[in-house]
């Protein structure tokens, strides 16, 4: 059946079998009103209305005996006098000496004996007798469907039990459990209210109980999807799984195409750059490399002519590109050395001319000044074209190195040629770490022909802040290299330039003379000799 609060008209579902004939006091969870629930759809009564008259026996009970009025439960043995038998549960434990109920004492249907002026909860076990000490006070209301509550305390029907205060010697008061949940310390075979079906609850206007963690459905908003996602049906899940499989296959297919493209490009580069180069063409490249060991401008020009033709014919050949870059690097270094010497001489003549004009001594200072002006003009005519030549060589070398760096790795011989060109270029550019690291890698790859030592000596000559002992170390490495290979001309010239930096003029001239003796066409060695002996 359904009951409704007389005050706020909130409706609740209740099994009429759990309500005694005379009704049971209940409390509304919304407004807090305590009213009497009648059986069989009877109208509820308020707090102040009286229940059924005492002395009425339920159906099937034994005849009333003499003594105080009592009420028996259906199907149970007669309870002791002045006691109430719980409907559907065992008999309540009788107190030791039966005491007639005093005035103002209410015994609640479905519970054991109660203390004076105390209401027992419908559906709970009997209340144990109070121990000596502070007794439960009057005006005590017990909530329908839960255990006993402490004195002077009202608990809400269907709410959570409040934690009672802890007196020094509390009496074993009963507690109220939440409607629909487990009662705290329930009596044996306590009664639970059966829930009403959800469709009947909603149809009858009874508030429904939401599960924890869920909230009411939000109102639909036009243009906005539902906030609570719905579970897709099997067809949608199968379609989503099929789309995921197709997406994975597409990704793997794309990766496979990329890998195949890279492998194909590498194979094509290897075939066109190395396998397609005949042995006779490689012999031409080796002959051009041998000309570079003579270290004069004419030999380098002849080698570059052959190398330029090979590069144009085989643009993906790493060996030809690397040897071409090496020849251009050596030519650039010699042109820079000649240019530096010419600029240094011009600066010295400019200083001498300024001093002569300022001091006007000695007596022939005018003749010396005229000679200095003539020599200075000659140097300017020599250095101006050299500046243009150096700039053009730098542009060509940068283009060659860019093309070389874009080529993929080649054979062992090609990579050795690449490391040799990189080490010498880093030395001429004054890059210490790169020159040393590339020279070491060149040695590890089988480069034992002395170009690693040449790269280090080039770095010492070109670096602006080389360590003080690096010059002597470079001279020693050049001497060791010449001891192994006396036909390699460039170590002679590098050793002479290093010794000039150390102010060892005689030793430097000795190295330069040896270079000119081996190759009379060596322009840089002859220019350094003329400059030192002309002083």
Protein backbone atom coordinates (compact mmCIF):
# COMPACT_ATOMS: atom_id res chain seq x y z
CA UNK A 1 0.00 0.00 0.00
CA UNK A 2 0.96 3.69 -0.18
CA UNK A 3 0.94 6.20 2.64
CA UNK A 4 1.18 9.98 2.42
CA UNK A 5 2.31 12.63 4.87
CA UNK A 6 -0.65 14.77 5.97
CA UNK A 7 1.58 17.85 6.06
CA UNK A 8 3.65 17.84 2.83
CA UNK A 9 1.77 15.03 1.01
CA UNK A 10 4.94 13.09 0.30
CA UNK A 11 4.04 9.49 -0.62
CA UNK A 12 5.81 6.30 0.51
CA UNK A 13 5.45 2.59 -0.36
CA UNK A 14 4.71 0.25 2.60
CA UNK A 15 3.58 -3.35 2.80
CA UNK A 16 0.27 -3.43 4.69
CA UNK A 17 1.21 -6.75 6.24
CA UNK A 18 3.85 -4.98 8.28
CA UNK A 19 1.36 -2.47 9.74
CA UNK A 20 -0.67 -3.63 12.78
CA UNK A 21 -4.39 -3.20 12.95
CA UNK A 22 -4.21 -0.13 15.12
CA UNK A 23 -1.58 1.58 12.96
CA UNK A 24 2.06 2.47 13.61
CA UNK A 25 3.76 5.84 14.26
CA UNK A 26 6.06 6.92 11.43
CA UNK A 27 7.95 10.13 10.65
CA UNK A 28 8.14 11.95 7.29
CA UNK A 29 11.69 12.38 5.91
CA UNK A 30 10.78 15.62 4.18
CA UNK A 31 9.01 17.75 6.78
CA UNK A 32 9.71 15.72 9.93
CA UNK A 33 6.03 15.18 10.93
CA UNK A 34 5.33 12.08 13.05
CA UNK A 35 2.00 10.51 12.10
CA UNK A 36 0.23 7.16 12.39
CA UNK A 37 0.17 4.88 9.37
CA UNK A 38 -3.13 2.97 9.15
CA UNK A 39 -3.47 -0.48 7.67
CA UNK A 40 -5.47 -1.10 4.51
CA UNK A 41 -5.30 2.47 3.17
CA UNK A 42 -6.80 4.07 6.29
CA UNK A 43 -6.24 7.75 6.57
CA UNK A 44 -3.17 8.59 8.65
CA UNK A 45 -3.56 10.50 11.84
CA UNK A 46 -1.35 13.23 13.24
CA UNK A 47 0.98 13.17 16.20
CA UNK A 48 -1.64 14.17 18.69
CA UNK A 49 -4.27 11.60 17.59
CA UNK A 50 -4.79 8.53 19.73
CA UNK A 51 -4.16 5.03 18.38
CA UNK A 52 -6.54 2.14 18.89
CA UNK A 53 -7.77 1.56 22.41
CA UNK A 54 -5.66 -0.64 24.55
CA UNK A 55 -6.81 -4.12 25.24
CA UNK A 56 -7.60 -5.14 21.65
CA UNK A 57 -6.37 -8.61 20.83
CA UNK A 58 -5.08 -9.46 17.31
CA UNK A 59 -6.73 -12.16 15.28
CA UNK A 60 -5.79 -15.68 16.42
CA UNK A 61 -4.50 -14.76 19.84
CA UNK A 62 -5.50 -16.41 23.10
CA UNK A 63 -8.04 -14.96 25.48
CA UNK A 64 -6.90 -12.13 27.61
CA UNK A 65 -5.88 -13.11 31.12
CA UNK A 66 -6.34 -11.16 34.17
CA UNK A 67 -4.01 -8.37 34.88
CA UNK A 68 -2.80 -5.47 32.88
CA UNK A 69 -3.94 -5.15 29.31
CA UNK A 70 -1.62 -6.70 26.74
CA UNK A 71 -1.45 -7.27 23.00
CA UNK A 72 -0.40 -10.48 21.31
CA UNK A 73 1.03 -10.94 17.86
CA UNK A 74 -0.55 -13.19 15.29
CA UNK A 75 0.85 -16.71 15.29
CA UNK A 76 3.00 -16.34 18.39
CA UNK A 77 2.73 -17.51 21.92
CA UNK A 78 1.23 -15.12 24.36
CA UNK A 79 3.75 -12.57 25.48
CA UNK A 80 4.06 -11.50 29.07
CA UNK A 81 1.67 -8.94 30.40
CA UNK A 82 1.99 -5.32 29.46
CA UNK A 83 4.24 -6.22 26.54
CA UNK A 84 4.02 -6.16 22.79
CA UNK A 85 4.95 -9.10 20.59
CA UNK A 86 6.74 -8.24 17.34
CA UNK A 87 4.85 -9.27 14.23
CA UNK A 88 6.82 -12.01 12.46
CA UNK A 89 9.57 -12.35 15.08
CA UNK A 90 10.25 -14.36 18.18
CA UNK A 91 8.96 -13.53 21.58
CA UNK A 92 10.58 -10.80 23.53
CA UNK A 93 12.60 -11.64 26.58
CA UNK A 94 10.53 -11.07 29.66
CA UNK A 95 11.99 -8.97 32.40
CA UNK A 96 12.69 -10.56 35.74
CA UNK A 97 9.73 -9.44 37.85
CA UNK A 98 6.75 -8.35 35.82
CA UNK A 99 5.90 -4.81 36.71
CA UNK A 100 2.63 -3.32 35.54
CA UNK A 101 3.06 -0.44 33.18
CA UNK A 102 2.83 2.87 34.82
CA UNK A 103 0.98 5.90 33.75
CA UNK A 104 2.07 7.57 30.59
CA UNK A 105 3.78 4.47 29.36
CA UNK A 106 3.34 3.44 25.68
CA UNK A 107 4.25 0.02 24.43
CA UNK A 108 5.02 -0.05 20.66
CA UNK A 109 3.68 -2.83 18.51
CA UNK A 110 6.45 -5.22 17.36
CA UNK A 111 9.02 -4.66 20.10
CA UNK A 112 9.83 -5.93 23.56
CA UNK A 113 9.09 -4.25 26.80
CA UNK A 114 9.81 -0.60 26.91
CA UNK A 115 10.84 1.69 29.67
CA UNK A 116 8.46 4.23 31.09
CA UNK A 117 7.32 6.96 28.72
CA UNK A 118 9.24 5.34 25.88
CA UNK A 119 8.18 4.48 22.33
CA UNK A 120 9.62 1.31 20.79
CA UNK A 121 10.34 1.08 17.05
CA UNK A 122 8.07 -1.02 14.87
CA UNK A 123 9.99 -3.90 13.32
CA UNK A 124 12.95 -4.02 15.69
CA UNK A 125 13.91 -6.35 18.49
CA UNK A 126 13.05 -5.99 22.09
CA UNK A 127 14.81 -3.36 24.09
CA UNK A 128 16.96 -4.81 26.85
CA UNK A 129 16.21 -3.61 30.31
CA UNK A 130 18.05 -0.57 31.46
CA UNK A 131 21.06 -0.98 33.70
CA UNK A 132 21.33 0.87 36.93
CA UNK A 133 22.38 4.41 36.34
CA UNK A 134 20.90 7.25 34.39
CA UNK A 135 17.68 6.02 32.87
CA UNK A 136 16.29 6.99 29.52
CA UNK A 137 14.32 10.18 29.73
CA UNK A 138 10.78 10.81 28.74
CA UNK A 139 9.57 12.40 25.56
CA UNK A 140 11.53 9.94 23.50
CA UNK A 141 10.43 9.09 19.93
CA UNK A 142 11.74 6.07 18.06
CA UNK A 143 11.90 6.12 14.27
CA UNK A 144 9.84 3.65 12.28
CA UNK A 145 12.00 0.89 10.74
CA UNK A 146 15.14 1.24 12.87
CA UNK A 147 16.57 0.50 16.29
CA UNK A 148 15.98 2.47 19.43
CA UNK A 149 17.20 6.06 19.71
CA UNK A 150 18.61 7.78 22.79
CA UNK A 151 16.44 9.89 25.07
CA UNK A 152 15.13 13.33 24.05
CA UNK A 153 16.11 12.59 20.51
CA UNK A 154 14.15 12.22 17.28
CA UNK A 155 15.64 10.52 14.22
CA UNK A 156 14.34 10.98 10.71
CA UNK A 157 12.48 8.22 8.92
CA UNK A 158 14.76 7.02 6.07
CA UNK A 159 17.78 9.13 7.07
CA UNK A 160 21.24 8.22 8.33
CA UNK A 161 21.57 7.61 12.06
CA UNK A 162 23.06 10.45 14.01
CA UNK A 163 25.94 9.68 16.36
CA UNK A 164 24.68 9.88 19.96
CA UNK A 165 26.64 11.71 22.65
CA UNK A 166 28.85 9.64 24.90
CA UNK A 167 27.79 10.11 28.58
CA UNK A 168 29.90 8.56 31.32
CA UNK A 169 27.44 5.71 31.95
CA UNK A 170 25.06 5.57 28.94
CA UNK A 171 22.13 3.26 28.91
CA UNK A 172 21.98 0.72 26.09
CA UNK A 173 19.77 2.87 23.86
CA UNK A 174 18.70 1.74 20.47
CA UNK A 175 19.81 3.43 17.22
CA UNK A 176 17.87 4.24 14.07
CA UNK A 177 18.90 2.67 10.75
CA UNK A 178 18.24 4.18 7.32
CA UNK A 179 15.03 3.12 5.65
CA UNK A 180 15.91 0.44 3.07
CA UNK A 181 19.36 -0.23 4.56
CA UNK A 182 20.73 -2.48 7.25
CA UNK A 183 19.74 -1.47 10.77
CA UNK A 184 22.42 -1.00 13.39
CA UNK A 185 22.40 -3.99 15.75
CA UNK A 186 19.08 -5.41 14.50
CA UNK A 187 17.08 -7.86 16.57
CA UNK A 188 16.52 -11.37 15.42
CA UNK A 189 14.38 -11.62 12.31
CA UNK A 190 13.77 -7.88 12.01
CA UNK A 191 11.25 -6.69 9.43
CA UNK A 192 12.37 -4.94 6.23
CA UNK A 193 10.04 -2.90 4.06
CA UNK A 194 9.87 -4.35 0.54
CA UNK A 195 10.62 -1.84 -2.21
CA UNK A 196 7.91 -0.86 -4.64
CA UNK A 197 8.64 -1.36 -8.38
CA UNK A 198 10.10 1.67 -10.05
CA UNK A 199 7.21 2.14 -12.50
CA UNK A 200 4.66 2.13 -9.65
CA UNK A 201 6.80 4.51 -7.62
CA UNK A 202 7.02 6.97 -10.46
CA UNK A 203 3.35 6.58 -11.34
CA UNK A 204 2.29 7.14 -7.73
CA UNK A 205 4.43 10.17 -7.20
CA UNK A 206 6.74 8.50 -4.64
CA UNK A 207 10.30 9.89 -4.75
CA UNK A 208 12.80 7.38 -6.14
CA UNK A 209 16.15 6.51 -4.61
CA UNK A 210 19.15 7.20 -6.86
CA UNK A 211 22.25 5.05 -6.66
CA UNK A 212 25.40 6.63 -5.16
CA UNK A 213 27.50 8.44 -7.73
CA UNK A 214 24.61 8.99 -10.13
CA UNK A 215 22.54 12.08 -10.57
CA UNK A 216 19.32 12.93 -12.29
CA UNK A 217 19.24 13.04 -16.04
CA UNK A 218 19.93 16.60 -17.27
CA UNK A 219 17.39 18.38 -19.37
CA UNK A 220 18.09 18.11 -23.12
CA UNK A 221 19.62 21.27 -24.58
CA UNK A 222 19.15 21.94 -28.31
CA UNK A 223 22.41 21.59 -30.21
CA UNK A 224 24.28 19.94 -27.29
CA UNK A 225 24.86 16.21 -27.05
CA UNK A 226 23.96 14.16 -23.97
CA UNK A 227 26.34 14.58 -21.03
CA UNK A 228 26.10 10.93 -20.02
CA UNK A 229 27.54 8.68 -22.78
CA UNK A 230 25.43 5.76 -23.83
CA UNK A 231 26.84 2.32 -24.33
CA UNK A 232 27.07 1.47 -28.04
CA UNK A 233 25.29 -1.54 -29.33
CA UNK A 234 27.21 -4.53 -30.76
CA UNK A 235 26.87 -3.27 -34.33
CA UNK A 236 28.45 0.06 -33.46
CA UNK A 237 31.27 -1.65 -31.54
CA UNK A 238 31.97 -3.94 -34.49
CA UNK A 239 32.05 -0.96 -36.86
CA UNK A 240 34.43 0.93 -34.57
CA UNK A 241 36.74 -2.09 -34.34
CA UNK A 242 36.72 -2.44 -38.14
CA UNK A 243 37.63 1.24 -38.55
CA UNK A 244 40.50 0.87 -36.09
CA UNK A 245 41.84 -2.14 -38.01
CA UNK A 246 41.65 -0.23 -41.28
CA UNK A 247 43.46 2.73 -39.74
CA UNK A 248 46.26 0.50 -38.44
CA UNK A 249 46.63 -1.19 -41.82
CA UNK A 250 46.84 2.20 -43.54
CA UNK A 251 49.53 3.41 -41.13
CA UNK A 252 51.61 0.26 -41.52
CA UNK A 253 51.21 0.44 -45.29
CA UNK A 254 52.47 4.02 -45.34
CA UNK A 255 55.46 3.10 -43.17
CA UNK A 256 56.22 0.19 -45.48
CA UNK A 257 56.16 2.47 -48.52
CA UNK A 258 58.55 4.88 -46.80
CA UNK A 259 60.95 2.07 -45.94
CA UNK A 260 60.83 0.67 -49.44
CA UNK A 261 61.41 4.14 -50.87
CA UNK A 262 64.47 4.65 -48.65
CA UNK A 263 65.87 1.25 -49.55
CA UNK A 264 65.24 1.90 -53.23
CA UNK A 265 66.92 5.29 -53.10
CA UNK A 266 69.91 3.86 -51.27
CA UNK A 267 70.24 1.03 -53.78
CA UNK A 268 69.94 3.41 -56.69
CA UNK A 269 72.56 5.74 -55.19
CA UNK A 270 74.90 2.82 -54.58
CA UNK A 271 74.44 1.54 -58.12
CA UNK A 272 74.82 4.89 -59.87
CA UNK A 273 77.57 6.22 -57.58
CA UNK A 274 79.82 3.19 -57.09
CA UNK A 275 78.88 0.05 -58.93
CA UNK A 276 78.51 1.93 -62.21
CA UNK A 277 82.05 3.43 -62.02
CA UNK A 278 84.43 1.40 -64.18
CA UNK A 279 87.85 0.43 -62.91
CA UNK A 280 89.58 2.62 -65.51
CA UNK A 281 87.71 5.67 -64.24
CA UNK A 282 88.79 4.88 -60.69
CA UNK A 283 92.38 4.70 -61.94
CA UNK A 284 92.02 8.24 -63.32
CA UNK A 285 90.84 9.44 -59.93
CA UNK A 286 93.84 7.77 -58.24
CA UNK A 287 96.25 9.40 -60.69
CA UNK A 288 94.75 12.83 -59.96
CA UNK A 289 95.16 12.20 -56.25
CA UNK A 290 98.85 11.36 -56.74
CA UNK A 291 99.36 14.74 -58.50
CA UNK A 292 98.10 16.46 -55.36
CA UNK A 293 101.15 15.16 -53.46
CA UNK A 294 103.43 17.38 -55.59
CA UNK A 295 101.66 20.38 -54.00
CA UNK A 296 102.30 23.01 -56.69
CA UNK A 297 99.59 25.08 -58.46
CA UNK A 298 100.15 23.48 -61.86
CA UNK A 299 99.80 19.94 -60.54
CA UNK A 300 96.64 20.86 -58.62
CA UNK A 301 95.16 22.53 -61.69
CA UNK A 302 95.76 19.39 -63.78
CA UNK A 303 94.24 17.19 -61.06
CA UNK A 304 91.21 19.46 -60.73
CA UNK A 305 90.62 19.32 -64.49
CA UNK A 306 90.35 15.52 -64.36
CA UNK A 307 88.29 15.54 -61.15
CA UNK A 308 85.80 18.11 -62.48
CA UNK A 309 85.18 15.89 -65.51
CA UNK A 310 84.68 12.82 -63.31
CA UNK A 311 82.25 14.66 -61.05
CA UNK A 312 80.25 15.88 -64.02
CA UNK A 313 80.08 12.37 -65.42
CA UNK A 314 79.45 10.61 -62.10
CA UNK A 315 77.76 13.15 -59.83
CA UNK A 316 76.93 10.56 -57.13
CA UNK A 317 80.46 9.20 -56.82
CA UNK A 318 81.71 10.07 -53.34
CA UNK A 319 85.38 9.37 -54.14
CA UNK A 320 85.52 11.90 -56.99
CA UNK A 321 83.65 14.57 -55.01
CA UNK A 322 85.90 14.14 -51.96
CA UNK A 323 89.16 14.32 -53.99
CA UNK A 324 87.89 17.42 -55.80
CA UNK A 325 87.12 19.11 -52.45
CA UNK A 326 90.59 18.17 -51.15
CA UNK A 327 92.35 19.75 -54.15
CA UNK A 328 90.31 22.95 -53.82
CA UNK A 329 91.08 23.11 -50.06
CA UNK A 330 94.84 22.85 -50.66
CA UNK A 331 94.74 25.52 -53.35
CA UNK A 332 92.73 27.83 -51.08
CA UNK A 333 95.23 27.39 -48.24
CA UNK A 334 98.22 28.28 -50.46
CA UNK A 335 96.43 31.31 -51.93
CA UNK A 336 95.57 32.53 -48.45
CA UNK A 337 99.17 32.07 -47.28
CA UNK A 338 100.46 34.14 -50.22
CA UNK A 339 97.81 36.78 -49.62
CA UNK A 340 98.67 37.02 -45.92
CA UNK A 341 102.35 37.46 -46.76
CA UNK A 342 101.57 40.19 -49.31
CA UNK A 343 99.27 42.02 -46.90
CA UNK A 344 101.87 41.77 -44.14
CA UNK A 345 104.54 43.25 -46.44
CA UNK A 346 102.20 46.06 -47.46
CA UNK A 347 101.47 46.86 -43.83
CA UNK A 348 105.20 46.94 -43.04
CA UNK A 349 105.92 49.29 -45.99
CA UNK A 350 103.07 51.59 -44.93
CA UNK A 351 104.53 51.82 -41.43
CA UNK A 352 108.04 52.52 -42.80
CA UNK A 353 106.76 55.25 -45.12
CA UNK A 354 104.91 56.97 -42.30
CA UNK A 355 108.00 56.88 -40.10
CA UNK A 356 110.25 58.36 -42.83
CA UNK A 357 107.84 61.19 -43.51
CA UNK A 358 107.51 61.94 -39.83
CA UNK A 359 111.21 61.82 -38.83
CA UNK A 360 112.67 63.04 -42.14
CA UNK A 361 115.83 61.12 -41.38
CA UNK A 362 118.31 59.93 -42.59
CA UNK A 363 119.50 62.27 -45.23
CA UNK A 364 118.17 60.10 -48.09
CA UNK A 365 114.80 59.62 -46.44
CA UNK A 366 113.06 60.95 -49.51
CA UNK A 367 114.66 58.30 -51.73
CA UNK A 368 113.70 55.57 -49.23
CA UNK A 369 110.16 56.92 -49.07
CA UNK A 370 109.88 56.89 -52.86
CA UNK A 371 111.15 53.30 -52.99
CA UNK A 372 108.63 52.27 -50.30
CA UNK A 373 105.79 53.86 -52.26
CA UNK A 374 106.86 52.03 -55.41
CA UNK A 375 107.05 48.67 -53.61
CA UNK A 376 103.72 49.32 -51.89
CA UNK A 377 102.06 50.01 -55.21
CA UNK A 378 103.45 46.77 -56.63
CA UNK A 379 102.14 44.79 -53.65
CA UNK A 380 98.70 46.30 -54.05
CA UNK A 381 98.65 45.28 -57.69
CA UNK A 382 99.52 41.72 -56.61
CA UNK A 383 97.17 41.39 -53.65
CA UNK A 384 94.04 42.83 -55.25
CA UNK A 385 93.68 39.98 -57.79
CA UNK A 386 94.62 37.51 -55.06
CA UNK A 387 91.68 38.68 -52.96
CA UNK A 388 89.31 38.04 -55.84
CA UNK A 389 90.88 34.64 -56.48
CA UNK A 390 90.55 33.63 -52.83
CA UNK A 391 86.89 34.66 -52.78
CA UNK A 392 86.17 32.66 -55.93
CA UNK A 393 87.96 29.60 -54.51
CA UNK A 394 85.91 29.83 -51.33
CA UNK A 395 82.67 29.85 -53.34
CA UNK A 396 83.71 26.83 -55.38
CA UNK A 397 84.86 24.93 -52.32
CA UNK A 398 81.61 25.61 -50.45
CA UNK A 399 79.56 24.35 -53.40
CA UNK A 400 81.67 21.20 -53.67
CA UNK A 401 81.38 20.47 -49.97
CA UNK A 402 77.63 20.98 -49.97
CA UNK A 403 77.27 18.47 -52.79
CA UNK A 404 79.60 16.05 -50.98
CA UNK A 405 77.66 16.27 -47.71
CA UNK A 406 74.39 15.44 -49.49
CA UNK A 407 75.72 12.17 -50.88
CA UNK A 408 74.89 8.94 -49.00
CA UNK A 409 77.66 6.76 -47.58
CA UNK A 410 79.68 4.84 -50.13
CA UNK A 411 82.30 2.13 -50.11
CA UNK A 412 85.15 1.98 -47.62
CA UNK A 413 87.51 3.65 -50.08
CA UNK A 414 84.99 6.41 -50.78
CA UNK A 415 84.38 7.06 -47.09
CA UNK A 416 88.14 7.18 -46.47
CA UNK A 417 88.39 9.84 -49.19
CA UNK A 418 85.51 11.75 -47.57
CA UNK A 419 87.17 11.72 -44.10
CA UNK A 420 90.50 12.84 -45.60
CA UNK A 421 88.86 15.83 -47.29
CA UNK A 422 86.85 16.69 -44.15
CA UNK A 423 89.91 16.58 -41.86
CA UNK A 424 92.04 18.82 -44.09
CA UNK A 425 89.18 21.28 -44.60
CA UNK A 426 88.57 21.49 -40.84
CA UNK A 427 92.28 22.13 -40.30
CA UNK A 428 92.40 24.94 -42.88
CA UNK A 429 89.26 26.44 -41.35
CA UNK A 430 90.86 26.35 -37.86
CA UNK A 431 88.28 23.97 -36.34
CA UNK A 432 90.29 22.08 -33.77
CA UNK A 433 87.80 19.47 -32.58
CA UNK A 434 86.54 18.57 -36.04
CA UNK A 435 90.05 18.40 -37.51
CA UNK A 436 91.33 16.14 -34.73
CA UNK A 437 88.26 13.86 -34.67
CA UNK A 438 88.12 13.43 -38.45
CA UNK A 439 91.87 12.78 -38.60
CA UNK A 440 91.53 10.07 -35.95
CA UNK A 441 88.62 8.45 -37.81
CA UNK A 442 90.67 8.58 -40.99
CA UNK A 443 93.46 6.65 -39.25
CA UNK A 444 91.02 4.07 -37.91
CA UNK A 445 89.60 3.55 -41.40
CA UNK A 446 93.06 2.73 -42.75
CA UNK A 447 94.45 6.15 -43.64
CA UNK A 448 98.20 5.70 -43.06
CA UNK A 449 99.50 8.02 -45.80
CA UNK A 450 100.17 11.07 -43.57
CA UNK A 451 97.13 13.22 -44.38
CA UNK A 452 95.94 13.04 -40.75
CA UNK A 453 99.21 14.72 -39.64
CA UNK A 454 98.81 17.29 -42.43
CA UNK A 455 95.31 18.14 -41.17
CA UNK A 456 96.66 18.81 -37.65
CA UNK A 457 99.50 21.04 -38.96
CA UNK A 458 96.99 22.99 -41.07
CA UNK A 459 94.88 23.58 -37.94
CA UNK A 460 97.88 24.90 -35.97
CA UNK A 461 98.76 27.35 -38.76
CA UNK A 462 95.17 28.55 -39.29
CA UNK A 463 93.87 28.70 -35.71
CA UNK A 464 93.90 32.10 -34.07
CA UNK A 465 94.34 30.75 -30.53
CA UNK A 466 96.25 27.49 -30.81
CA UNK A 467 97.96 26.16 -27.64
CA UNK A 468 101.60 27.32 -27.22
CA UNK A 469 103.07 23.84 -27.43
CA UNK A 470 100.95 22.85 -30.43
CA UNK A 471 103.40 24.45 -32.89
CA UNK A 472 106.31 22.39 -31.65
CA UNK A 473 104.12 19.27 -31.62
CA UNK A 474 103.08 19.92 -35.22
CA UNK A 475 106.73 20.41 -36.27
CA UNK A 476 107.61 17.09 -34.66
CA UNK A 477 104.76 15.30 -36.46
CA UNK A 478 105.92 16.76 -39.81
CA UNK A 479 109.47 15.56 -39.19
CA UNK A 480 108.21 12.08 -38.32
CA UNK A 481 106.10 12.00 -41.47
CA UNK A 482 109.03 13.08 -43.64
CA UNK A 483 111.11 10.35 -42.07
CA UNK A 484 108.55 7.80 -43.30
CA UNK A 485 107.83 9.40 -46.70
CA UNK A 486 110.38 11.87 -48.02
CA UNK A 487 108.60 12.35 -51.36
CA UNK A 488 105.54 13.99 -49.81
CA UNK A 489 106.24 17.70 -50.48
CA UNK A 490 103.55 19.41 -48.46
CA UNK A 491 105.00 18.40 -45.04
CA UNK A 492 108.22 20.30 -46.01
CA UNK A 493 106.27 23.49 -46.68
CA UNK A 494 104.13 23.14 -43.55
CA UNK A 495 107.20 22.53 -41.40
CA UNK A 496 108.91 25.65 -42.87
CA UNK A 497 105.87 27.82 -42.12
CA UNK A 498 105.66 26.48 -38.57
CA UNK A 499 109.35 27.14 -37.95
CA UNK A 500 108.95 30.71 -39.21
CA UNK A 501 106.25 31.22 -36.57
CA UNK A 502 108.76 29.94 -33.98
CA UNK A 503 111.36 32.49 -35.26
CA UNK A 504 113.65 29.66 -36.37
CA UNK A 505 114.63 31.19 -39.69
CA UNK A 506 117.48 28.86 -40.67
CA UNK A 507 115.56 25.67 -39.96
CA UNK A 508 112.58 27.07 -41.86
CA UNK A 509 114.67 27.95 -44.91
CA UNK A 510 116.16 24.45 -44.83
CA UNK A 511 112.71 22.87 -45.10
CA UNK A 512 111.61 25.28 -47.80
CA UNK A 513 114.76 24.69 -49.85
CA UNK A 514 114.13 20.94 -49.69
CA UNK A 515 110.59 21.48 -51.00
CA UNK A 516 111.84 23.59 -53.90
CA UNK A 517 114.54 21.00 -54.66
CA UNK A 518 111.91 18.28 -54.96
CA UNK A 519 109.48 20.48 -56.95
CA UNK A 520 110.94 23.69 -58.44
CA UNK A 521 107.41 24.75 -59.45
CA UNK A 522 106.28 25.16 -55.86
CA UNK A 523 105.25 28.81 -55.81
CA UNK A 524 104.54 29.21 -52.09
CA UNK A 525 107.86 27.72 -50.95
CA UNK A 526 109.80 29.94 -53.36
CA UNK A 527 107.85 33.05 -52.30
CA UNK A 528 108.61 32.39 -48.63
CA UNK A 529 112.30 31.88 -49.40
CA UNK A 530 112.50 35.12 -51.38
CA UNK A 531 110.74 37.03 -48.67
CA UNK A 532 112.98 35.79 -45.88
CA UNK A 533 116.24 36.19 -47.76
CA UNK A 534 115.21 39.54 -49.22
CA UNK A 535 114.99 40.96 -45.73
